[in-house]
C-alpha atoms as a PDB file:
ATOM      1  CA  UNK A   1      54.513  15.369-131.765  1.00  0.00           C
ATOM      2  CA  UNK A   2      55.652  16.241-135.251  1.00  0.00           C
ATOM      3  CA  UNK A   3      54.303  14.681-138.434  1.00  0.00           C
ATOM      4  CA  UNK A   4      56.819  15.106-141.255  1.00  0.00           C
ATOM      5  CA  UNK A   5      55.297  14.468-144.648  1.00  0.00           C
ATOM      6  CA  UNK A   6      55.246  15.160-148.367  1.00  0.00           C
ATOM      7  CA  UNK A   7      51.723  16.206-149.468  1.00  0.00           C
ATOM      8  CA  UNK A   8      51.809  14.290-152.779  1.00  0.00           C
ATOM      9  CA  UNK A   9      52.860  11.041-151.078  1.00  0.00           C
ATOM     10  CA  UNK A  10      49.882   8.662-150.845  1.00  0.00           C
ATOM     11  CA  UNK A  11      51.294   6.932-147.763  1.00  0.00           C
ATOM     12  CA  UNK A  12      51.643  10.337-146.086  1.00  0.00           C
ATOM     13  CA  UNK A  13      48.031  11.109-146.994  1.00  0.00           C
ATOM     14  CA  UNK A  14      46.904   7.813-145.427  1.00  0.00           C
ATOM     15  CA  UNK A  15      48.924   8.504-142.286  1.00  0.00           C
ATOM     16  CA  UNK A  16      47.542  12.042-141.976  1.00  0.00           C
ATOM     17  CA  UNK A  17      43.989  10.755-142.389  1.00  0.00           C
ATOM     18  CA  UNK A  18      44.644   8.121-139.723  1.00  0.00           C
ATOM     19  CA  UNK A  19      46.038  10.718-137.290  1.00  0.00           C
ATOM     20  CA  UNK A  20      43.040  12.975-137.906  1.00  0.00           C
ATOM     21  CA  UNK A  21      40.506  10.142-137.556  1.00  0.00           C
ATOM     22  CA  UNK A  22      42.080   9.180-134.230  1.00  0.00           C
ATOM     23  CA  UNK A  23      41.986  12.806-133.020  1.00  0.00           C
ATOM     24  CA  UNK A  24      45.741  12.897-132.562  1.00  0.00           C
ATOM     25  CA  UNK A  25      47.183  16.367-132.224  1.00  0.00           C
ATOM     26  CA  UNK A  26      50.369  16.977-134.186  1.00  0.00           C
ATOM     27  CA  UNK A  27      52.395  19.670-135.836  1.00  0.00           C
ATOM     28  CA  UNK A  28      52.762  19.144-139.581  1.00  0.00           C
ATOM     29  CA  UNK A  29      56.050  19.732-141.360  1.00  0.00           C
ATOM     30  CA  UNK A  30      56.460  19.635-145.152  1.00  0.00           C
ATOM     31  CA  UNK A  31      59.633  17.599-145.728  1.00  0.00           C
ATOM     32  CA  UNK A  32      60.590  19.303-148.983  1.00  0.00           C
ATOM     33  CA  UNK A  33      60.118  22.858-147.673  1.00  0.00           C
ATOM     34  CA  UNK A  34      61.620  22.162-144.244  1.00  0.00           C
ATOM     35  CA  UNK A  35      64.081  19.307-144.663  1.00  0.00           C
ATOM     36  CA  UNK A  36      65.379  17.697-141.469  1.00  0.00           C
ATOM     37  CA  UNK A  37      68.886  18.768-140.487  1.00  0.00           C
ATOM     38  CA  UNK A  38      71.736  16.315-139.965  1.00  0.00           C
ATOM     39  CA  UNK A  39      71.498  17.012-136.199  1.00  0.00           C
ATOM     40  CA  UNK A  40      67.751  16.242-136.140  1.00  0.00           C
ATOM     41  CA  UNK A  41      68.275  13.054-138.135  1.00  0.00           C
ATOM     42  CA  UNK A  42      71.029  11.914-135.768  1.00  0.00           C
ATOM     43  CA  UNK A  43      68.800  12.536-132.739  1.00  0.00           C
ATOM     44  CA  UNK A  44      65.815  10.793-134.334  1.00  0.00           C
ATOM     45  CA  UNK A  45      67.889   7.843-135.489  1.00  0.00           C
ATOM     46  CA  UNK A  46      69.346   7.340-132.017  1.00  0.00           C
ATOM     47  CA  UNK A  47      65.909   7.702-130.392  1.00  0.00           C
ATOM     48  CA  UNK A  48      64.316   5.210-132.807  1.00  0.00           C
ATOM     49  CA  UNK A  49      66.777   2.375-132.206  1.00  0.00           C
ATOM     50  CA  UNK A  50      66.391   1.463-135.895  1.00  0.00           C
ATOM     51  CA  UNK A  51      69.006   0.873-138.571  1.00  0.00           C
ATOM     52  CA  UNK A  52      69.844   4.145-140.369  1.00  0.00           C
ATOM     53  CA  UNK A  53      68.763   2.526-143.650  1.00  0.00           C
ATOM     54  CA  UNK A  54      65.147   2.722-142.373  1.00  0.00           C
ATOM     55  CA  UNK A  55      65.443   6.511-142.691  1.00  0.00           C
ATOM     56  CA  UNK A  56      66.231   6.375-146.405  1.00  0.00           C
ATOM     57  CA  UNK A  57      63.454   6.476-148.985  1.00  0.00           C
ATOM     58  CA  UNK A  58      64.823   3.424-150.807  1.00  0.00           C
ATOM     59  CA  UNK A  59      61.973   3.383-153.316  1.00  0.00           C
ATOM     60  CA  UNK A  60      62.446   7.029-154.298  1.00  0.00           C
ATOM     61  CA  UNK A  61      63.762   8.166-157.666  1.00  0.00           C
ATOM     62  CA  UNK A  62      66.550  10.241-156.115  1.00  0.00           C
ATOM     63  CA  UNK A  63      67.800   7.259-154.076  1.00  0.00           C
ATOM     64  CA  UNK A  64      67.943   5.191-157.260  1.00  0.00           C
ATOM     65  CA  UNK A  65      69.467   7.952-159.406  1.00  0.00           C
ATOM     66  CA  UNK A  66      72.245   8.450-156.861  1.00  0.00           C
ATOM     67  CA  UNK A  67      72.836   4.657-156.715  1.00  0.00           C
ATOM     68  CA  UNK A  68      72.764   4.811-152.935  1.00  0.00           C
ATOM     69  CA  UNK A  69      72.151   1.085-152.577  1.00  0.00           C
ATOM     70  CA  UNK A  70      75.782   0.627-153.633  1.00  0.00           C
ATOM     71  CA  UNK A  71      77.214   3.710-151.888  1.00  0.00           C
ATOM     72  CA  UNK A  72      75.616   3.555-148.427  1.00  0.00           C
ATOM     73  CA  UNK A  73      77.523   0.512-147.127  1.00  0.00           C
ATOM     74  CA  UNK A  74      80.852   2.337-147.397  1.00  0.00           C
ATOM     75  CA  UNK A  75      79.624   5.615-145.881  1.00  0.00           C
ATOM     76  CA  UNK A  76      80.030   6.606-142.238  1.00  0.00           C
ATOM     77  CA  UNK A  77      76.998   7.350-140.098  1.00  0.00           C
ATOM     78  CA  UNK A  78      77.840  11.056-140.108  1.00  0.00           C
ATOM     79  CA  UNK A  79      78.048  11.032-143.917  1.00  0.00           C
ATOM     80  CA  UNK A  80      74.626   9.375-144.074  1.00  0.00           C
ATOM     81  CA  UNK A  81      73.087  12.044-141.812  1.00  0.00           C
ATOM     82  CA  UNK A  82      74.652  14.772-143.954  1.00  0.00           C
ATOM     83  CA  UNK A  83      73.383  13.132-147.148  1.00  0.00           C
ATOM     84  CA  UNK A  84      69.826  12.764-145.803  1.00  0.00           C
ATOM     85  CA  UNK A  85      69.872  16.426-144.793  1.00  0.00           C
ATOM     86  CA  UNK A  86      70.594  17.523-148.382  1.00  0.00           C
ATOM     87  CA  UNK A  87      67.135  16.672-149.748  1.00  0.00           C
ATOM     88  CA  UNK A  88      63.855  15.745-148.078  1.00  0.00           C
ATOM     89  CA  UNK A  89      63.083  13.370-150.918  1.00  0.00           C
ATOM     90  CA  UNK A  90      65.849  11.047-149.665  1.00  0.00           C
ATOM     91  CA  UNK A  91      64.150  10.683-146.285  1.00  0.00           C
ATOM     92  CA  UNK A  92      61.623   7.909-145.637  1.00  0.00           C
ATOM     93  CA  UNK A  93      58.249   9.448-145.061  1.00  0.00           C
ATOM     94  CA  UNK A  94      56.064  10.040-143.306  1.00  0.00           C
ATOM     95  CA  UNK A  95      58.074  10.440-140.142  1.00  0.00           C
ATOM     96  CA  UNK A  96      56.310  10.651-136.815  1.00  0.00           C
ATOM     97  CA  UNK A  97      58.449  12.142-134.070  1.00  0.00           C
ATOM     98  CA  UNK A  98      57.108  11.862-130.537  1.00  0.00           C
ATOM     99  CA  UNK A  99      58.642  12.455-127.152  1.00  0.00           C
ATOM    100  CA  UNK A 100      59.482   8.760-126.840  1.00  0.00           C
ATOM    101  CA  UNK A 101      60.020   7.423-130.326  1.00  0.00           C
ATOM    102  CA  UNK A 102      60.488   8.077-134.030  1.00  0.00           C
ATOM    103  CA  UNK A 103      58.575   6.115-136.656  1.00  0.00           C
ATOM    104  CA  UNK A 104      59.752   6.277-140.286  1.00  0.00           C
ATOM    105  CA  UNK A 105      57.110   5.156-142.772  1.00  0.00           C
ATOM    106  CA  UNK A 106      53.486   4.387-141.932  1.00  0.00           C
ATOM    107  CA  UNK A 107      52.530   1.021-140.496  1.00  0.00           C
ATOM    108  CA  UNK A 108      49.224   1.447-138.706  1.00  0.00           C
ATOM    109  CA  UNK A 109      49.932  -1.307-136.147  1.00  0.00           C
ATOM    110  CA  UNK A 110      53.292   0.259-135.205  1.00  0.00           C
ATOM    111  CA  UNK A 111      51.779   3.723-134.897  1.00  0.00           C
ATOM    112  CA  UNK A 112      48.876   2.385-132.783  1.00  0.00           C
ATOM    113  CA  UNK A 113      51.314   0.688-130.450  1.00  0.00           C
ATOM    114  CA  UNK A 114      53.653   3.696-130.220  1.00  0.00           C
ATOM    115  CA  UNK A 115      50.751   6.038-129.485  1.00  0.00           C
ATOM    116  CA  UNK A 116      49.126   3.557-127.072  1.00  0.00           C
ATOM    117  CA  UNK A 117      45.833   3.461-128.959  1.00  0.00           C
ATOM    118  CA  UNK A 118      43.358   0.696-128.389  1.00  0.00           C
ATOM    119  CA  UNK A 119      44.873  -0.327-125.077  1.00  0.00           C
END
């Protein structure tokens, strides 16, 4: 599985700590140095079954500066993938990509369930 994160992000730090505490093996990927491609984002979005908006870092400065709240509704899905691929700071993080699912953001209960922990 791949853990895509931004080191300065406190939520990413919490998620990393949680993965480590649960002895979960993952490959780390710095989102700013190795931004997801449009193709990866398309694959992950389709695998996740979530709305594409869940992949946008809606609380980020770049999202707000670009006024994406107003622009996204009129964009095509392909345009959204291309936009997300331009800068890792637009992408919701952390992102956990497993064989079966993709989880944008860190919600411990969702991650536990997806990784079948505590069952």
